[in-house]
Protein backbone atom coordinates (compact mmCIF):
# COMPACT_ATOMS: atom_id res chain seq x y z
CA UNK A 1 0.00 0.00 0.00
CA UNK A 2 1.33 3.40 -0.97
CA UNK A 3 0.39 6.65 0.76
CA UNK A 4 1.49 9.96 -0.75
CA UNK A 5 1.82 12.79 1.75
CA UNK A 6 1.58 16.34 0.45
CA UNK A 7 4.53 17.63 2.45
CA UNK A 8 8.30 17.50 2.78
CA UNK A 9 8.00 18.02 6.57
CA UNK A 10 9.49 14.90 8.21
CA UNK A 11 7.26 15.39 11.27
CA UNK A 12 4.12 15.11 9.10
CA UNK A 13 5.50 12.08 7.25
CA UNK A 14 6.21 10.28 10.51
CA UNK A 15 2.76 11.20 11.87
CA UNK A 16 1.12 9.63 8.80
CA UNK A 17 3.37 6.55 8.95
CA UNK A 18 2.60 6.01 12.63
CA UNK A 19 -1.16 6.65 12.31
CA UNK A 20 -1.67 4.23 9.41
CA UNK A 21 0.75 1.81 11.10
CA UNK A 22 -1.60 1.47 14.07
CA UNK A 23 -3.90 -0.69 11.92
CA UNK A 24 -3.16 -4.15 10.48
CA UNK A 25 -5.07 -3.49 7.26
CA UNK A 26 -2.35 -1.02 6.30
CA UNK A 27 0.58 -3.45 6.71
CA UNK A 28 3.32 -3.08 4.13
CA UNK A 29 2.81 0.65 4.08
CA UNK A 30 5.02 2.85 1.90
CA UNK A 31 4.83 6.55 2.77
CA UNK A 32 6.08 8.89 0.04
CA UNK A 33 6.74 12.60 0.43
CA UNK A 34 5.32 14.74 -2.40
CA UNK A 35 5.78 18.51 -2.59
CA UNK A 36 2.17 19.70 -2.83
CA UNK A 37 0.88 23.24 -2.83
CA UNK A 38 -1.76 24.04 -0.23
CA UNK A 39 -3.32 26.79 -2.33
CA UNK A 40 -3.87 28.84 0.82
CA UNK A 41 -1.80 31.39 2.72
CA UNK A 42 1.33 30.24 4.57
CA UNK A 43 -0.53 30.84 7.83
CA UNK A 44 -4.20 29.93 7.47
CA UNK A 45 -6.36 32.18 9.65
CA UNK A 46 -9.78 30.53 9.36
CA UNK A 47 -11.05 26.99 9.79
CA UNK A 48 -12.30 27.00 6.20
CA UNK A 49 -8.86 28.02 4.88
CA UNK A 50 -7.17 25.35 7.00
CA UNK A 51 -9.51 22.62 5.71
CA UNK A 52 -9.03 23.80 2.11
CA UNK A 53 -5.25 23.70 2.59
CA UNK A 54 -5.37 20.08 3.79
CA UNK A 55 -7.70 19.07 0.96
CA UNK A 56 -5.56 20.82 -1.67
CA UNK A 57 -2.39 19.17 -0.38
CA UNK A 58 -4.06 15.74 -0.48
CA UNK A 59 -5.45 16.23 -3.98
CA UNK A 60 -2.19 17.69 -5.33
CA UNK A 61 -0.24 14.73 -3.90
CA UNK A 62 -2.56 12.10 -5.39
CA UNK A 63 -1.22 9.87 -8.16
CA UNK A 64 0.26 6.37 -8.27
CA UNK A 65 -0.94 5.67 -4.74
CA UNK A 66 -3.80 4.13 -2.79
CA UNK A 67 -4.42 7.27 -0.72
CA UNK A 68 -2.93 10.71 -0.40
CA UNK A 69 -2.83 12.76 2.77
CA UNK A 70 -2.80 16.50 3.33
CA UNK A 71 -2.11 18.01 6.73
CA UNK A 72 -2.60 21.72 7.39
CA UNK A 73 -2.39 23.59 10.67
CA UNK A 74 -4.10 26.90 11.08
CA UNK A 75 -5.73 29.25 13.51
CA UNK A 76 -9.38 30.24 13.59
CA UNK A 77 -11.66 32.44 15.63
CA UNK A 78 -13.11 30.86 18.77
CA UNK A 79 -15.39 32.85 21.09
CA UNK A 80 -14.57 33.17 24.80
CA UNK A 81 -10.87 32.38 24.38
CA UNK A 82 -8.18 34.67 25.81
CA UNK A 83 -6.65 35.40 22.39
CA UNK A 84 -9.79 34.98 20.30
CA UNK A 85 -8.18 32.11 18.33
CA UNK A 86 -7.27 28.46 18.57
CA UNK A 87 -5.00 26.23 16.49
CA UNK A 88 -6.02 22.97 14.83
CA UNK A 89 -4.32 20.51 12.51
CA UNK A 90 -6.69 19.31 9.80
CA UNK A 91 -6.12 16.07 7.90
CA UNK A 92 -7.61 15.23 4.53
CA UNK A 93 -7.22 11.71 3.18
CA UNK A 94 -8.06 11.51 -0.52
CA UNK A 95 -8.91 8.24 -2.27
CA UNK A 96 -9.18 9.68 -5.78
CA UNK A 97 -12.92 10.30 -5.45
CA UNK A 98 -13.68 11.71 -2.03
CA UNK A 99 -12.06 13.26 1.01
CA UNK A 100 -12.04 11.87 4.52
CA UNK A 101 -11.46 14.65 7.08
CA UNK A 102 -10.14 14.53 10.60
CA UNK A 103 -8.80 17.01 13.12
CA UNK A 104 -6.44 17.22 16.03
CA UNK A 105 -7.43 18.59 19.41
CA UNK A 106 -7.47 22.40 19.42
CA UNK A 107 -5.36 24.62 21.63
CA UNK A 108 -4.87 28.31 22.22
CA UNK A 109 -1.68 30.28 21.65
CA UNK A 110 -0.82 33.22 23.91
CA UNK A 111 -2.50 36.46 22.81
CA UNK A 112 0.84 38.11 22.09
CA UNK A 113 1.68 35.37 19.58
CA UNK A 114 -1.69 35.77 17.84
CA UNK A 115 -1.21 39.55 17.76
CA UNK A 116 2.20 39.10 16.08
CA UNK A 117 0.68 36.79 13.46
CA UNK A 118 -1.91 39.38 12.48
CA UNK A 119 0.21 42.52 12.91
CA UNK A 120 3.22 41.24 10.93
CA UNK A 121 1.53 38.59 8.77
CA UNK A 122 3.74 35.99 10.46
CA UNK A 123 3.54 32.24 10.49
CA UNK A 124 3.40 30.66 13.94
CA UNK A 125 7.12 29.79 13.83
CA UNK A 126 8.08 33.44 13.20
CA UNK A 127 5.80 34.76 15.93
CA UNK A 128 7.03 32.18 18.46
CA UNK A 129 10.67 33.09 17.74
CA UNK A 130 10.05 36.82 18.01
CA UNK A 131 8.08 36.33 21.21
CA UNK A 132 10.97 34.35 22.72
CA UNK A 133 9.12 31.06 23.07
CA UNK A 134 11.82 29.35 20.98
CA UNK A 135 15.12 30.07 19.25
CA UNK A 136 14.28 27.54 16.53
CA UNK A 137 13.06 29.35 13.39
CA UNK A 138 11.56 26.04 12.15
CA UNK A 139 9.95 24.83 15.38
CA UNK A 140 7.04 23.44 13.32
CA UNK A 141 9.48 20.92 11.86
CA UNK A 142 10.52 19.89 15.37
CA UNK A 143 8.44 19.67 18.55
CA UNK A 144 6.16 22.52 17.48
CA UNK A 145 4.95 25.30 19.72
CA UNK A 146 2.48 22.74 21.13
CA UNK A 147 5.51 20.77 22.37
CA UNK A 148 6.94 23.83 24.08
CA UNK A 149 3.67 24.98 25.63
CA UNK A 150 2.80 21.48 26.93
CA UNK A 151 6.41 20.98 28.03
CA UNK A 152 6.70 17.86 25.91
CA UNK A 153 3.42 16.18 26.86
CA UNK A 154 2.13 16.64 23.29
CA UNK A 155 4.52 17.31 20.41
CA UNK A 156 3.87 18.29 16.79
CA UNK A 157 4.11 14.71 15.52
CA UNK A 158 1.60 13.43 18.09
CA UNK A 159 -0.71 16.37 17.39
CA UNK A 160 -0.62 15.68 13.64
CA UNK A 161 -1.00 11.93 14.17
CA UNK A 162 -4.27 12.52 16.04
CA UNK A 163 -5.64 14.37 13.01
CA UNK A 164 -4.73 11.45 10.73
CA UNK A 165 -6.27 8.89 13.10
CA UNK A 166 -9.56 10.81 13.21
CA UNK A 167 -9.62 11.00 9.39
CA UNK A 168 -9.01 7.25 9.27
CA UNK A 169 -12.33 6.72 11.07
CA UNK A 170 -13.99 7.08 7.66
CA UNK A 171 -11.86 4.43 5.98
CA UNK A 172 -11.96 1.98 8.85
CA UNK A 173 -15.72 2.33 9.35
CA UNK A 174 -16.89 2.99 5.80
CA UNK A 175 -20.25 1.35 6.40
CA UNK A 176 -21.12 4.24 8.73
CA UNK A 177 -19.81 7.07 6.53
CA UNK A 178 -21.74 6.63 3.29
C-alpha atoms as a PDB file:
ATOM      1  CA  UNK A   1       0.000   0.000   0.000  1.00  0.00           C
ATOM      2  CA  UNK A   2       1.331   3.404  -0.972  1.00  0.00           C
ATOM      3  CA  UNK A   3       0.387   6.646   0.764  1.00  0.00           C
ATOM      4  CA  UNK A   4       1.489   9.958  -0.750  1.00  0.00           C
ATOM      5  CA  UNK A   5       1.821  12.790   1.750  1.00  0.00           C
ATOM      6  CA  UNK A   6       1.579  16.342   0.446  1.00  0.00           C
ATOM      7  CA  UNK A   7       4.535  17.628   2.446  1.00  0.00           C
ATOM      8  CA  UNK A   8       8.300  17.501   2.783  1.00  0.00           C
ATOM      9  CA  UNK A   9       8.000  18.023   6.567  1.00  0.00           C
ATOM     10  CA  UNK A  10       9.485  14.900   8.207  1.00  0.00           C
ATOM     11  CA  UNK A  11       7.256  15.392  11.270  1.00  0.00           C
ATOM     12  CA  UNK A  12       4.122  15.111   9.100  1.00  0.00           C
ATOM     13  CA  UNK A  13       5.498  12.076   7.253  1.00  0.00           C
ATOM     14  CA  UNK A  14       6.209  10.283  10.515  1.00  0.00           C
ATOM     15  CA  UNK A  15       2.765  11.200  11.867  1.00  0.00           C
ATOM     16  CA  UNK A  16       1.123   9.633   8.801  1.00  0.00           C
ATOM     17  CA  UNK A  17       3.366   6.549   8.946  1.00  0.00           C
ATOM     18  CA  UNK A  18       2.599   6.013  12.635  1.00  0.00           C
ATOM     19  CA  UNK A  19      -1.155   6.648  12.313  1.00  0.00           C
ATOM     20  CA  UNK A  20      -1.665   4.234   9.406  1.00  0.00           C
ATOM     21  CA  UNK A  21       0.747   1.812  11.097  1.00  0.00           C
ATOM     22  CA  UNK A  22      -1.599   1.474  14.067  1.00  0.00           C
ATOM     23  CA  UNK A  23      -3.903  -0.690  11.918  1.00  0.00           C
ATOM     24  CA  UNK A  24      -3.160  -4.146  10.479  1.00  0.00           C
ATOM     25  CA  UNK A  25      -5.072  -3.491   7.255  1.00  0.00           C
ATOM     26  CA  UNK A  26      -2.346  -1.021   6.297  1.00  0.00           C
ATOM     27  CA  UNK A  27       0.577  -3.450   6.710  1.00  0.00           C
ATOM     28  CA  UNK A  28       3.325  -3.081   4.130  1.00  0.00           C
ATOM     29  CA  UNK A  29       2.810   0.653   4.080  1.00  0.00           C
ATOM     30  CA  UNK A  30       5.022   2.851   1.900  1.00  0.00           C
ATOM     31  CA  UNK A  31       4.830   6.555   2.771  1.00  0.00           C
ATOM     32  CA  UNK A  32       6.079   8.889   0.038  1.00  0.00           C
ATOM     33  CA  UNK A  33       6.740  12.599   0.429  1.00  0.00           C
ATOM     34  CA  UNK A  34       5.323  14.736  -2.395  1.00  0.00           C
ATOM     35  CA  UNK A  35       5.779  18.511  -2.586  1.00  0.00           C
ATOM     36  CA  UNK A  36       2.167  19.697  -2.827  1.00  0.00           C
ATOM     37  CA  UNK A  37       0.879  23.236  -2.831  1.00  0.00           C
ATOM     38  CA  UNK A  38      -1.764  24.043  -0.227  1.00  0.00           C
ATOM     39  CA  UNK A  39      -3.321  26.785  -2.333  1.00  0.00           C
ATOM     40  CA  UNK A  40      -3.874  28.835   0.820  1.00  0.00           C
ATOM     41  CA  UNK A  41      -1.802  31.387   2.718  1.00  0.00           C
ATOM     42  CA  UNK A  42       1.329  30.235   4.567  1.00  0.00           C
ATOM     43  CA  UNK A  43      -0.535  30.843   7.826  1.00  0.00           C
ATOM     44  CA  UNK A  44      -4.204  29.926   7.475  1.00  0.00           C
ATOM     45  CA  UNK A  45      -6.362  32.177   9.655  1.00  0.00           C
ATOM     46  CA  UNK A  46      -9.775  30.533   9.356  1.00  0.00           C
ATOM     47  CA  UNK A  47     -11.049  26.994   9.790  1.00  0.00           C
ATOM     48  CA  UNK A  48     -12.296  27.003   6.202  1.00  0.00           C
ATOM     49  CA  UNK A  49      -8.861  28.019   4.879  1.00  0.00           C
ATOM     50  CA  UNK A  50      -7.172  25.354   7.000  1.00  0.00           C
ATOM     51  CA  UNK A  51      -9.509  22.621   5.709  1.00  0.00           C
ATOM     52  CA  UNK A  52      -9.026  23.796   2.106  1.00  0.00           C
ATOM     53  CA  UNK A  53      -5.254  23.695   2.589  1.00  0.00           C
ATOM     54  CA  UNK A  54      -5.374  20.081   3.795  1.00  0.00           C
ATOM     55  CA  UNK A  55      -7.701  19.069   0.961  1.00  0.00           C
ATOM     56  CA  UNK A  56      -5.561  20.817  -1.670  1.00  0.00           C
ATOM     57  CA  UNK A  57      -2.387  19.170  -0.381  1.00  0.00           C
ATOM     58  CA  UNK A  58      -4.059  15.744  -0.482  1.00  0.00           C
ATOM     59  CA  UNK A  59      -5.452  16.227  -3.977  1.00  0.00           C
ATOM     60  CA  UNK A  60      -2.192  17.691  -5.326  1.00  0.00           C
ATOM     61  CA  UNK A  61      -0.235  14.728  -3.902  1.00  0.00           C
ATOM     62  CA  UNK A  62      -2.557  12.096  -5.391  1.00  0.00           C
ATOM     63  CA  UNK A  63      -1.219   9.870  -8.161  1.00  0.00           C
ATOM     64  CA  UNK A  64       0.262   6.369  -8.272  1.00  0.00           C
ATOM     65  CA  UNK A  65      -0.945   5.666  -4.745  1.00  0.00           C
ATOM     66  CA  UNK A  66      -3.801   4.135  -2.787  1.00  0.00           C
ATOM     67  CA  UNK A  67      -4.418   7.265  -0.723  1.00  0.00           C
ATOM     68  CA  UNK A  68      -2.933  10.714  -0.401  1.00  0.00           C
ATOM     69  CA  UNK A  69      -2.831  12.761   2.771  1.00  0.00           C
ATOM     70  CA  UNK A  70      -2.796  16.497   3.329  1.00  0.00           C
ATOM     71  CA  UNK A  71      -2.108  18.014   6.730  1.00  0.00           C
ATOM     72  CA  UNK A  72      -2.597  21.716   7.386  1.00  0.00           C
ATOM     73  CA  UNK A  73      -2.388  23.585  10.671  1.00  0.00           C
ATOM     74  CA  UNK A  74      -4.102  26.904  11.081  1.00  0.00           C
ATOM     75  CA  UNK A  75      -5.735  29.253  13.507  1.00  0.00           C
ATOM     76  CA  UNK A  76      -9.376  30.242  13.586  1.00  0.00           C
ATOM     77  CA  UNK A  77     -11.661  32.443  15.628  1.00  0.00           C
ATOM     78  CA  UNK A  78     -13.110  30.864  18.771  1.00  0.00           C
ATOM     79  CA  UNK A  79     -15.391  32.846  21.092  1.00  0.00           C
ATOM     80  CA  UNK A  80     -14.568  33.174  24.796  1.00  0.00           C
ATOM     81  CA  UNK A  81     -10.866  32.380  24.379  1.00  0.00           C
ATOM     82  CA  UNK A  82      -8.177  34.669  25.805  1.00  0.00           C
ATOM     83  CA  UNK A  83      -6.653  35.403  22.392  1.00  0.00           C
ATOM     84  CA  UNK A  84      -9.790  34.977  20.298  1.00  0.00           C
ATOM     85  CA  UNK A  85      -8.181  32.113  18.333  1.00  0.00           C
ATOM     86  CA  UNK A  86      -7.271  28.457  18.570  1.00  0.00           C
ATOM     87  CA  UNK A  87      -4.999  26.232  16.486  1.00  0.00           C
ATOM     88  CA  UNK A  88      -6.020  22.974  14.832  1.00  0.00           C
ATOM     89  CA  UNK A  89      -4.317  20.514  12.514  1.00  0.00           C
ATOM     90  CA  UNK A  90      -6.687  19.308   9.803  1.00  0.00           C
ATOM     91  CA  UNK A  91      -6.119  16.074   7.899  1.00  0.00           C
ATOM     92  CA  UNK A  92      -7.614  15.234   4.528  1.00  0.00           C
ATOM     93  CA  UNK A  93      -7.217  11.711   3.184  1.00  0.00           C
ATOM     94  CA  UNK A  94      -8.059  11.512  -0.523  1.00  0.00           C
ATOM     95  CA  UNK A  95      -8.915   8.238  -2.274  1.00  0.00           C
ATOM     96  CA  UNK A  96      -9.179   9.675  -5.784  1.00  0.00           C
ATOM     97  CA  UNK A  97     -12.921  10.301  -5.449  1.00  0.00           C
ATOM     98  CA  UNK A  98     -13.681  11.712  -2.027  1.00  0.00           C
ATOM     99  CA  UNK A  99     -12.055  13.257   1.009  1.00  0.00           C
ATOM    100  CA  UNK A 100     -12.035  11.869   4.522  1.00  0.00           C
ATOM    101  CA  UNK A 101     -11.460  14.647   7.078  1.00  0.00           C
ATOM    102  CA  UNK A 102     -10.141  14.531  10.604  1.00  0.00           C
ATOM    103  CA  UNK A 103      -8.804  17.011  13.120  1.00  0.00           C
ATOM    104  CA  UNK A 104      -6.440  17.218  16.031  1.00  0.00           C
ATOM    105  CA  UNK A 105      -7.430  18.589  19.408  1.00  0.00           C
ATOM    106  CA  UNK A 106      -7.469  22.396  19.420  1.00  0.00           C
ATOM    107  CA  UNK A 107      -5.364  24.623  21.633  1.00  0.00           C
ATOM    108  CA  UNK A 108      -4.872  28.310  22.221  1.00  0.00           C
ATOM    109  CA  UNK A 109      -1.678  30.275  21.654  1.00  0.00           C
ATOM    110  CA  UNK A 110      -0.815  33.222  23.906  1.00  0.00           C
ATOM    111  CA  UNK A 111      -2.504  36.455  22.814  1.00  0.00           C
ATOM    112  CA  UNK A 112       0.844  38.110  22.094  1.00  0.00           C
ATOM    113  CA  UNK A 113       1.680  35.366  19.581  1.00  0.00           C
ATOM    114  CA  UNK A 114      -1.692  35.769  17.842  1.00  0.00           C
ATOM    115  CA  UNK A 115      -1.206  39.547  17.762  1.00  0.00           C
ATOM    116  CA  UNK A 116       2.199  39.101  16.076  1.00  0.00           C
ATOM    117  CA  UNK A 117       0.683  36.786  13.459  1.00  0.00           C
ATOM    118  CA  UNK A 118      -1.910  39.376  12.476  1.00  0.00           C
ATOM    119  CA  UNK A 119       0.213  42.521  12.914  1.00  0.00           C
ATOM    120  CA  UNK A 120       3.215  41.244  10.932  1.00  0.00           C
ATOM    121  CA  UNK A 121       1.525  38.591   8.771  1.00  0.00           C
ATOM    122  CA  UNK A 122       3.743  35.990  10.458  1.00  0.00           C
ATOM    123  CA  UNK A 123       3.544  32.238  10.487  1.00  0.00           C
ATOM    124  CA  UNK A 124       3.400  30.660  13.944  1.00  0.00           C
ATOM    125  CA  UNK A 125       7.124  29.790  13.828  1.00  0.00           C
ATOM    126  CA  UNK A 126       8.083  33.435  13.202  1.00  0.00           C
ATOM    127  CA  UNK A 127       5.798  34.761  15.932  1.00  0.00           C
ATOM    128  CA  UNK A 128       7.030  32.178  18.462  1.00  0.00           C
ATOM    129  CA  UNK A 129      10.666  33.087  17.737  1.00  0.00           C
ATOM    130  CA  UNK A 130      10.045  36.825  18.006  1.00  0.00           C
ATOM    131  CA  UNK A 131       8.081  36.326  21.209  1.00  0.00           C
ATOM    132  CA  UNK A 132      10.967  34.351  22.719  1.00  0.00           C
ATOM    133  CA  UNK A 133       9.117  31.056  23.071  1.00  0.00           C
ATOM    134  CA  UNK A 134      11.821  29.355  20.982  1.00  0.00           C
ATOM    135  CA  UNK A 135      15.121  30.070  19.250  1.00  0.00           C
ATOM    136  CA  UNK A 136      14.281  27.540  16.529  1.00  0.00           C
ATOM    137  CA  UNK A 137      13.057  29.353  13.395  1.00  0.00           C
ATOM    138  CA  UNK A 138      11.561  26.040  12.146  1.00  0.00           C
ATOM    139  CA  UNK A 139       9.949  24.833  15.377  1.00  0.00           C
ATOM    140  CA  UNK A 140       7.037  23.438  13.323  1.00  0.00           C
ATOM    141  CA  UNK A 141       9.480  20.917  11.860  1.00  0.00           C
ATOM    142  CA  UNK A 142      10.521  19.891  15.369  1.00  0.00           C
ATOM    143  CA  UNK A 143       8.439  19.670  18.545  1.00  0.00           C
ATOM    144  CA  UNK A 144       6.160  22.518  17.481  1.00  0.00           C
ATOM    145  CA  UNK A 145       4.947  25.304  19.719  1.00  0.00           C
ATOM    146  CA  UNK A 146       2.481  22.741  21.131  1.00  0.00           C
ATOM    147  CA  UNK A 147       5.506  20.768  22.370  1.00  0.00           C
ATOM    148  CA  UNK A 148       6.942  23.831  24.079  1.00  0.00           C
ATOM    149  CA  UNK A 149       3.672  24.980  25.635  1.00  0.00           C
ATOM    150  CA  UNK A 150       2.795  21.480  26.927  1.00  0.00           C
ATOM    151  CA  UNK A 151       6.413  20.975  28.025  1.00  0.00           C
ATOM    152  CA  UNK A 152       6.701  17.861  25.914  1.00  0.00           C
ATOM    153  CA  UNK A 153       3.418  16.182  26.862  1.00  0.00           C
ATOM    154  CA  UNK A 154       2.132  16.640  23.285  1.00  0.00           C
ATOM    155  CA  UNK A 155       4.523  17.307  20.405  1.00  0.00           C
ATOM    156  CA  UNK A 156       3.867  18.285  16.795  1.00  0.00           C
ATOM    157  CA  UNK A 157       4.107  14.709  15.525  1.00  0.00           C
ATOM    158  CA  UNK A 158       1.598  13.429  18.088  1.00  0.00           C
ATOM    159  CA  UNK A 159      -0.707  16.374  17.388  1.00  0.00           C
ATOM    160  CA  UNK A 160      -0.620  15.684  13.636  1.00  0.00           C
ATOM    161  CA  UNK A 161      -1.003  11.932  14.168  1.00  0.00           C
ATOM    162  CA  UNK A 162      -4.265  12.518  16.043  1.00  0.00           C
ATOM    163  CA  UNK A 163      -5.643  14.374  13.006  1.00  0.00           C
ATOM    164  CA  UNK A 164      -4.731  11.445  10.733  1.00  0.00           C
ATOM    165  CA  UNK A 165      -6.274   8.892  13.104  1.00  0.00           C
ATOM    166  CA  UNK A 166      -9.561  10.812  13.208  1.00  0.00           C
ATOM    167  CA  UNK A 167      -9.617  10.997   9.393  1.00  0.00           C
ATOM    168  CA  UNK A 168      -9.007   7.247   9.267  1.00  0.00           C
ATOM    169  CA  UNK A 169     -12.332   6.717  11.065  1.00  0.00           C
ATOM    170  CA  UNK A 170     -13.993   7.084   7.664  1.00  0.00           C
ATOM    171  CA  UNK A 171     -11.862   4.432   5.979  1.00  0.00           C
ATOM    172  CA  UNK A 172     -11.959   1.977   8.847  1.00  0.00           C
ATOM    173  CA  UNK A 173     -15.720   2.327   9.345  1.00  0.00           C
ATOM    174  CA  UNK A 174     -16.885   2.993   5.797  1.00  0.00           C
ATOM    175  CA  UNK A 175     -20.248   1.350   6.400  1.00  0.00           C
ATOM    176  CA  UNK A 176     -21.115   4.241   8.734  1.00  0.00           C
ATOM    177  CA  UNK A 177     -19.806   7.066   6.533  1.00  0.00           C
ATOM    178  CA  UNK A 178     -21.735   6.632   3.289  1.00  0.00           C
END
